[in-house]
Amino acid sequence: MESHFEILHKEEITGLDFLETTKEKFQSYGLKRGSATRLAKFIADLKKSNTPKSNTGTVYVFVDNSNLFIEGKYT
C-alpha cells in the first residue's frame, strides 16, 4: 500500500496545490476517508490562522503514518 506522501508525490500535489485540495480530492487520490478528513481539517485550520506572515509560497507538511499525526507549517 502506498503511503500518503507517495500518493501526493505521484499526483504532483505541492505547495499551493495542497492548500486547495479538498477531502473529496484526497479521497479520489486514494486516501481513506479518515485521513482525507484530517488533512482537509488541517488545511482549513491553517487557512484560518490569524497569525500574519509573509507569503513565501512554501508549505511544509510532516506526516507520521504510525499514528496518522499530521503537522504542518505555512511560511
C-alpha atoms as a PDB file:
ATOM      1  CA  MET A   1       0.000   0.000   0.000  1.00  0.00           C
ATOM      2  CA  GLU A   2       1.274   3.462  -0.891  1.00  0.00           C
ATOM      3  CA  SER A   3       1.976   5.948   1.882  1.00  0.00           C
ATOM      4  CA  HIS A   4       0.116   9.251   1.937  1.00  0.00           C
ATOM      5  CA  PHE A   5       3.294  11.017   0.895  1.00  0.00           C
ATOM      6  CA  GLU A   6       3.778   8.665  -2.059  1.00  0.00           C
ATOM      7  CA  ILE A   7       0.213   9.314  -3.209  1.00  0.00           C
ATOM      8  CA  LEU A   8       0.632  13.103  -3.001  1.00  0.00           C
ATOM      9  CA  HIS A   9       4.012  12.855  -4.726  1.00  0.00           C
ATOM     10  CA  LYS A  10       2.588  10.691  -7.524  1.00  0.00           C
ATOM     11  CA  GLU A  11      -0.254  13.187  -8.029  1.00  0.00           C
ATOM     12  CA  GLU A  12       2.300  16.054  -8.004  1.00  0.00           C
ATOM     13  CA  ILE A  13       0.484  17.850  -5.170  1.00  0.00           C
ATOM     14  CA  THR A  14       2.797  20.538  -3.800  1.00  0.00           C
ATOM     15  CA  GLY A  15       2.657  23.962  -2.191  1.00  0.00           C
ATOM     16  CA  LEU A  16      -0.449  25.917  -3.035  1.00  0.00           C
ATOM     17  CA  ASP A  17      -1.990  22.869  -4.748  1.00  0.00           C
ATOM     18  CA  PHE A  18      -2.015  21.165  -1.341  1.00  0.00           C
ATOM     19  CA  LEU A  19      -3.805  24.120   0.267  1.00  0.00           C
ATOM     20  CA  GLU A  20      -6.573  23.935  -2.345  1.00  0.00           C
ATOM     21  CA  THR A  21      -7.120  20.177  -2.046  1.00  0.00           C
ATOM     22  CA  THR A  22     -10.494  19.099  -0.633  1.00  0.00           C
ATOM     23  CA  LYS A  23     -11.456  15.988   1.297  1.00  0.00           C
ATOM     24  CA  GLU A  24     -13.139  14.646  -1.826  1.00  0.00           C
ATOM     25  CA  LYS A  25      -9.997  15.215  -3.898  1.00  0.00           C
ATOM     26  CA  PHE A  26      -7.830  13.464  -1.293  1.00  0.00           C
ATOM     27  CA  GLN A  27     -10.220  10.507  -1.441  1.00  0.00           C
ATOM     28  CA  SER A  28     -10.125  10.477  -5.241  1.00  0.00           C
ATOM     29  CA  TYR A  29      -6.321  10.193  -4.982  1.00  0.00           C
ATOM     30  CA  GLY A  30      -6.746   7.034  -2.891  1.00  0.00           C
ATOM     31  CA  LEU A  31      -6.590   8.273   0.697  1.00  0.00           C
ATOM     32  CA  LYS A  32      -9.021   6.701   3.153  1.00  0.00           C
ATOM     33  CA  ARG A  33     -11.916   8.826   4.410  1.00  0.00           C
ATOM     34  CA  GLY A  34     -10.394   9.411   7.868  1.00  0.00           C
ATOM     35  CA  SER A  35      -7.037  10.546   6.525  1.00  0.00           C
ATOM     36  CA  ALA A  36      -8.718  12.732   3.909  1.00  0.00           C
ATOM     37  CA  THR A  37     -10.889  14.340   6.597  1.00  0.00           C
ATOM     38  CA  ARG A  38      -7.911  15.055   8.864  1.00  0.00           C
ATOM     39  CA  LEU A  39      -5.898  16.586   6.026  1.00  0.00           C
ATOM     40  CA  ALA A  40      -8.841  18.746   4.916  1.00  0.00           C
ATOM     41  CA  LYS A  41      -9.394  19.906   8.521  1.00  0.00           C
ATOM     42  CA  PHE A  42      -5.691  20.673   8.866  1.00  0.00           C
ATOM     43  CA  ILE A  43      -5.828  22.801   5.709  1.00  0.00           C
ATOM     44  CA  ALA A  44      -8.953  24.628   6.932  1.00  0.00           C
ATOM     45  CA  ASP A  45      -7.326  25.324  10.315  1.00  0.00           C
ATOM     46  CA  LEU A  46      -4.171  26.505   8.596  1.00  0.00           C
ATOM     47  CA  LYS A  47      -6.155  28.908   6.419  1.00  0.00           C
ATOM     48  CA  LYS A  48      -7.982  30.291   9.487  1.00  0.00           C
ATOM     49  CA  SER A  49      -4.742  31.084  11.271  1.00  0.00           C
ATOM     50  CA  ASN A  50      -4.778  34.738  12.278  1.00  0.00           C
ATOM     51  CA  THR A  51      -1.010  34.965  12.533  1.00  0.00           C
ATOM     52  CA  PRO A  52       0.108  37.468   9.899  1.00  0.00           C
ATOM     53  CA  LYS A  53       3.024  36.112   7.902  1.00  0.00           C
ATOM     54  CA  SER A  54       4.625  36.991   4.646  1.00  0.00           C
ATOM     55  CA  ASN A  55       3.732  34.512   1.929  1.00  0.00           C
ATOM     56  CA  THR A  56       6.739  32.604   0.646  1.00  0.00           C
ATOM     57  CA  GLY A  57       4.545  30.173  -1.293  1.00  0.00           C
ATOM     58  CA  THR A  58       6.053  27.287   0.653  1.00  0.00           C
ATOM     59  CA  VAL A  59       4.182  24.716   2.713  1.00  0.00           C
ATOM     60  CA  TYR A  60       5.909  22.132   4.872  1.00  0.00           C
ATOM     61  CA  VAL A  61       3.841  19.065   5.746  1.00  0.00           C
ATOM     62  CA  PHE A  62       5.022  16.315   8.058  1.00  0.00           C
ATOM     63  CA  VAL A  63       3.026  13.083   8.121  1.00  0.00           C
ATOM     64  CA  ASP A  64       3.768  10.381  10.695  1.00  0.00           C
ATOM     65  CA  ASN A  65       1.891   7.368   9.368  1.00  0.00           C
ATOM     66  CA  SER A  66       2.475   5.355  12.535  1.00  0.00           C
ATOM     67  CA  ASN A  67      -0.264   7.327  14.304  1.00  0.00           C
ATOM     68  CA  LEU A  68      -1.558   9.386  11.387  1.00  0.00           C
ATOM     69  CA  PHE A  69      -0.377  12.502  13.183  1.00  0.00           C
ATOM     70  CA  ILE A  70      -0.320  15.407  10.770  1.00  0.00           C
ATOM     71  CA  GLU A  71       1.629  18.580  11.416  1.00  0.00           C
ATOM     72  CA  GLY A  72       2.354  21.452   9.116  1.00  0.00           C
ATOM     73  CA  LYS A  73       3.919  24.839   8.952  1.00  0.00           C
ATOM     74  CA  TYR A  74       2.979  27.551   6.478  1.00  0.00           C
ATOM     75  CA  THR A  75       5.759  30.051   5.995  1.00  0.00           C
END
